[in-house]
Amino acid sequence: MTDFNDKQIEILQVAENLFAEQGFDGTSVRDIAKSANINIAMISYYFGSKEKLLEALILYRISDMRLQMENLYREELTPIEKIDRLIELYIKRIHQNKGMYQIIHFEISSGKRIINCDAFNEMKKNNLEVLKNIIKEGQDKNIFNKDVNVVLLPTTIMGTYFHFQMNKPFFKDILNLNTQEDINNYVYNELTIHIKQTIKALLTYEK
């Protein structure tokens, strides 16, 4: 199910904020119902359980990502331009939904409960296929090296971003990032530029 009504979307957004602030275990269905100003029965009716609500949240947040990636691949751009745009898309997407990504990765890594992440994994596989196609296009034009470890490129992109997020107090201090707007500007400009330079260096380096 990817077509959610307004009330379901409202519940998902409330749940996402609470999960990000209090953790999945620290948030009860009662907390979600209270914040969304609804009764618990409505959450059960729409989602069945807190775990199913999290699975619905994953679907809600990734439902249009596949389309965006495939549209990018079909655009009349050079392979280098496509890589730049792909990184911009990745960073914007992750930054805008960082709460959800933190929740998902914690749940997957902790293994404390069974969360059906098939849709999330399918999205990652699809993104990787698009990336492989862009890299191959660049290799066929002798722009990119033939021996690129494509599987680890998303790890490099997301790892750099999440290292920044996990050490935000340190970076706020040394970079004078005093407001959320300062942080957003830094992420969308300097950090994104650094990641682009890193990925393009990996794609074009000479042994």
Protein backbone atom coordinates (compact mmCIF):
# COMPACT_ATOMS: atom_id res chain seq x y z
CA MET A 1 0.00 0.00 0.00
CA THR A 2 1.49 3.33 -1.05
CA ASP A 3 -1.66 5.47 -1.35
CA PHE A 4 -2.27 6.96 2.08
CA ASN A 5 -5.16 9.24 2.99
CA ASP A 6 -4.68 12.56 4.82
CA LYS A 7 -5.34 11.11 8.27
CA GLN A 8 -2.89 8.24 7.71
CA ILE A 9 -0.22 10.69 6.54
CA GLU A 10 -0.80 12.83 9.62
CA ILE A 11 -0.39 9.78 11.88
CA LEU A 12 2.78 8.70 10.01
CA GLN A 13 4.34 12.16 10.36
CA VAL A 14 3.54 12.31 14.08
CA ALA A 15 4.95 8.81 14.58
CA GLU A 16 8.12 9.66 12.66
CA ASN A 17 8.78 12.69 14.87
CA LEU A 18 8.17 10.72 18.05
CA PHE A 19 10.30 7.75 16.91
CA ALA A 20 13.15 10.14 16.07
CA GLU A 21 12.89 11.97 19.42
CA GLN A 22 12.12 9.08 21.79
CA GLY A 23 13.20 6.00 19.86
CA PHE A 24 10.94 3.24 18.61
CA ASP A 25 10.88 1.42 21.98
CA GLY A 26 10.38 4.68 23.87
CA THR A 27 7.27 5.59 21.90
CA SER A 28 3.95 3.94 22.63
CA VAL A 29 0.88 3.73 20.41
CA ARG A 30 -0.81 5.83 23.11
CA ASP A 31 1.87 8.55 22.65
CA ILE A 32 1.23 8.59 18.91
CA ALA A 33 -2.55 8.72 19.36
CA LYS A 34 -2.28 11.56 21.88
CA SER A 35 0.05 13.65 19.67
CA ALA A 36 -2.13 13.04 16.60
CA ASN A 37 -5.25 13.84 18.63
CA ILE A 38 -6.97 10.57 17.72
CA ASN A 39 -7.96 7.41 19.57
CA ILE A 40 -5.80 4.30 19.69
CA ALA A 41 -8.42 2.29 17.79
CA MET A 42 -7.83 4.43 14.69
CA ILE A 43 -4.13 3.48 14.62
CA SER A 44 -5.07 -0.19 14.98
CA TYR A 45 -7.62 0.18 12.19
CA TYR A 46 -5.19 1.84 9.77
CA PHE A 47 -1.95 0.04 10.62
CA GLY A 48 -2.61 -2.89 12.96
CA SER A 49 0.48 -2.47 15.16
CA LYS A 50 3.41 -0.16 15.89
CA GLU A 51 5.69 -2.39 13.79
CA LYS A 52 3.27 -2.25 10.85
CA LEU A 53 3.08 1.53 11.28
CA LEU A 54 6.88 1.72 10.93
CA GLU A 55 6.72 -0.41 7.77
CA ALA A 56 4.05 1.95 6.39
CA LEU A 57 6.26 4.92 7.25
CA ILE A 58 9.10 3.39 5.23
CA LEU A 59 6.78 2.90 2.25
CA TYR A 60 5.44 6.44 2.56
CA ARG A 61 8.90 8.02 2.55
CA ILE A 62 10.38 5.98 -0.31
CA SER A 63 7.36 5.69 -2.63
CA ASP A 64 8.58 8.26 -5.17
CA MET A 65 12.34 7.70 -4.87
CA ARG A 66 12.45 5.04 -7.59
CA LEU A 67 10.72 7.33 -10.07
CA GLN A 68 13.11 10.20 -9.32
CA MET A 69 16.14 7.96 -9.84
CA GLU A 70 14.89 6.51 -13.11
CA ASN A 71 13.96 9.96 -14.44
CA LEU A 72 17.47 11.16 -13.60
CA TYR A 73 19.03 8.30 -15.56
CA ARG A 74 16.96 9.15 -18.66
CA GLU A 75 17.83 12.85 -18.64
CA GLU A 76 20.06 14.26 -21.40
CA LEU A 77 23.06 14.80 -19.14
CA THR A 78 26.69 13.68 -19.19
CA PRO A 79 27.65 10.84 -16.82
CA ILE A 80 29.48 13.37 -14.60
CA GLU A 81 26.38 15.60 -14.46
CA LYS A 82 24.22 12.58 -13.61
CA ILE A 83 26.55 11.64 -10.74
CA ASP A 84 26.37 15.21 -9.41
CA ARG A 85 22.57 15.23 -9.61
CA LEU A 86 22.33 11.78 -8.03
CA ILE A 87 24.43 12.90 -5.05
CA GLU A 88 22.30 16.03 -4.66
CA LEU A 89 19.18 13.85 -4.70
CA TYR A 90 20.65 11.42 -2.15
CA ILE A 91 21.72 14.16 0.28
CA LYS A 92 18.53 16.18 -0.01
CA ARG A 93 16.43 13.06 0.49
CA ILE A 94 18.40 11.80 3.48
CA HIS A 95 18.64 15.23 5.13
CA GLN A 96 14.92 15.91 4.80
CA ASN A 97 14.06 12.44 6.16
CA LYS A 98 17.03 11.88 8.49
CA GLY A 99 14.74 10.90 11.37
CA MET A 100 13.29 8.03 9.37
CA TYR A 101 16.70 6.84 8.13
CA GLN A 102 18.05 6.84 11.69
CA ILE A 103 15.06 4.79 12.86
CA ILE A 104 15.37 2.26 10.03
CA HIS A 105 19.11 1.74 10.39
CA PHE A 106 18.85 1.35 14.15
CA GLU A 107 16.05 -1.19 13.84
CA ILE A 108 17.90 -3.17 11.16
CA SER A 109 21.24 -3.14 13.00
CA SER A 110 19.80 -3.92 16.44
CA GLY A 111 17.80 -6.94 15.25
CA LYS A 112 15.58 -6.57 18.31
CA ARG A 113 12.39 -7.21 16.38
CA ILE A 114 11.28 -8.38 12.95
CA ILE A 115 10.60 -5.37 10.76
CA ASN A 116 9.70 -6.07 7.15
CA CYS A 117 12.19 -3.88 5.29
CA ASP A 118 11.67 -5.52 1.90
CA ALA A 119 10.44 -2.27 0.34
CA PHE A 120 13.43 -0.36 1.74
CA ASN A 121 15.86 -3.01 0.48
CA GLU A 122 14.18 -3.05 -2.94
CA MET A 123 14.61 0.72 -3.15
CA LYS A 124 18.31 0.39 -2.32
CA LYS A 125 18.76 -2.34 -4.95
CA ASN A 126 16.97 -0.21 -7.53
CA ASN A 127 19.10 2.83 -6.68
CA LEU A 128 22.21 0.69 -7.04
CA GLU A 129 21.09 -0.52 -10.49
CA VAL A 130 20.57 3.08 -11.64
CA LEU A 131 23.99 4.01 -10.28
CA LYS A 132 25.59 1.02 -12.04
CA ASN A 133 23.97 2.10 -15.33
CA ILE A 134 25.31 5.65 -14.94
CA ILE A 135 28.80 4.33 -14.14
CA LYS A 136 28.69 1.96 -17.13
CA GLU A 137 27.66 4.81 -19.39
CA GLY A 138 30.71 6.76 -18.15
CA GLN A 139 32.97 3.73 -18.57
CA ASP A 140 31.76 3.15 -22.14
CA LYS A 141 32.73 6.76 -22.91
CA ASN A 142 36.12 6.32 -21.19
CA ILE A 143 35.22 8.93 -18.56
CA PHE A 144 35.19 6.56 -15.56
CA ASN A 145 37.62 3.79 -14.63
CA LYS A 146 36.70 0.21 -15.43
CA ASP A 147 37.42 -1.15 -11.92
CA VAL A 148 35.02 0.92 -9.82
CA ASN A 149 33.53 -0.66 -6.68
CA VAL A 150 30.00 0.62 -7.36
CA VAL A 151 28.46 -1.21 -4.38
CA LEU A 152 30.49 0.88 -1.92
CA LEU A 153 29.77 4.29 -3.52
CA PRO A 154 26.39 4.77 -1.73
CA THR A 155 28.16 3.72 1.50
CA THR A 156 30.69 6.52 0.94
CA ILE A 157 27.94 9.07 0.26
CA MET A 158 25.72 8.13 3.20
CA GLY A 159 28.61 7.37 5.54
CA THR A 160 30.03 10.87 5.07
CA TYR A 161 26.63 12.45 5.65
CA PHE A 162 25.83 10.40 8.77
CA HIS A 163 29.30 11.00 10.23
CA PHE A 164 28.52 14.72 9.99
CA GLN A 165 25.11 14.20 11.65
CA MET A 166 26.45 11.99 14.45
CA ASN A 167 29.13 14.58 15.26
CA LYS A 168 26.93 17.64 14.77
CA PRO A 169 27.83 19.33 18.11
CA PHE A 170 31.52 19.19 17.12
CA PHE A 171 30.90 20.56 13.61
CA LYS A 172 28.51 23.23 14.90
CA ASP A 173 31.28 24.46 17.16
CA ILE A 174 34.22 24.45 14.73
CA LEU A 175 32.18 25.66 11.72
CA ASN A 176 30.08 28.27 13.54
CA LEU A 177 26.79 26.65 12.60
CA ASN A 178 24.49 28.44 15.02
CA THR A 179 21.06 27.76 13.55
CA GLN A 180 19.25 24.97 11.72
CA GLU A 181 19.38 27.17 8.62
CA ASP A 182 23.19 27.34 8.95
CA ILE A 183 23.31 23.53 9.16
CA ASN A 184 21.01 23.09 6.15
CA ASN A 185 23.08 25.51 4.07
CA TYR A 186 26.29 23.71 5.01
CA VAL A 187 24.84 20.29 4.15
CA TYR A 188 23.41 21.40 0.80
CA ASN A 189 26.55 23.30 -0.20
CA GLU A 190 29.95 22.50 1.34
CA LEU A 191 29.17 18.94 2.44
CA THR A 192 27.47 18.05 -0.85
CA ILE A 193 30.36 19.55 -2.85
CA HIS A 194 32.88 17.56 -0.78
CA ILE A 195 30.96 14.32 -1.39
CA LYS A 196 30.75 15.05 -5.15
CA GLN A 197 34.52 15.64 -5.28
CA THR A 198 35.17 12.43 -3.33
CA ILE A 199 32.96 10.26 -5.55
CA LYS A 200 34.30 11.73 -8.80
CA ALA A 201 37.86 11.21 -7.54
CA LEU A 202 37.04 7.52 -6.92
CA LEU A 203 35.55 7.24 -10.41
CA THR A 204 38.42 8.88 -12.26
CA TYR A 205 41.56 8.25 -10.21
CA GLU A 206 44.68 6.93 -11.90
CA LYS A 207 46.55 3.99 -10.36
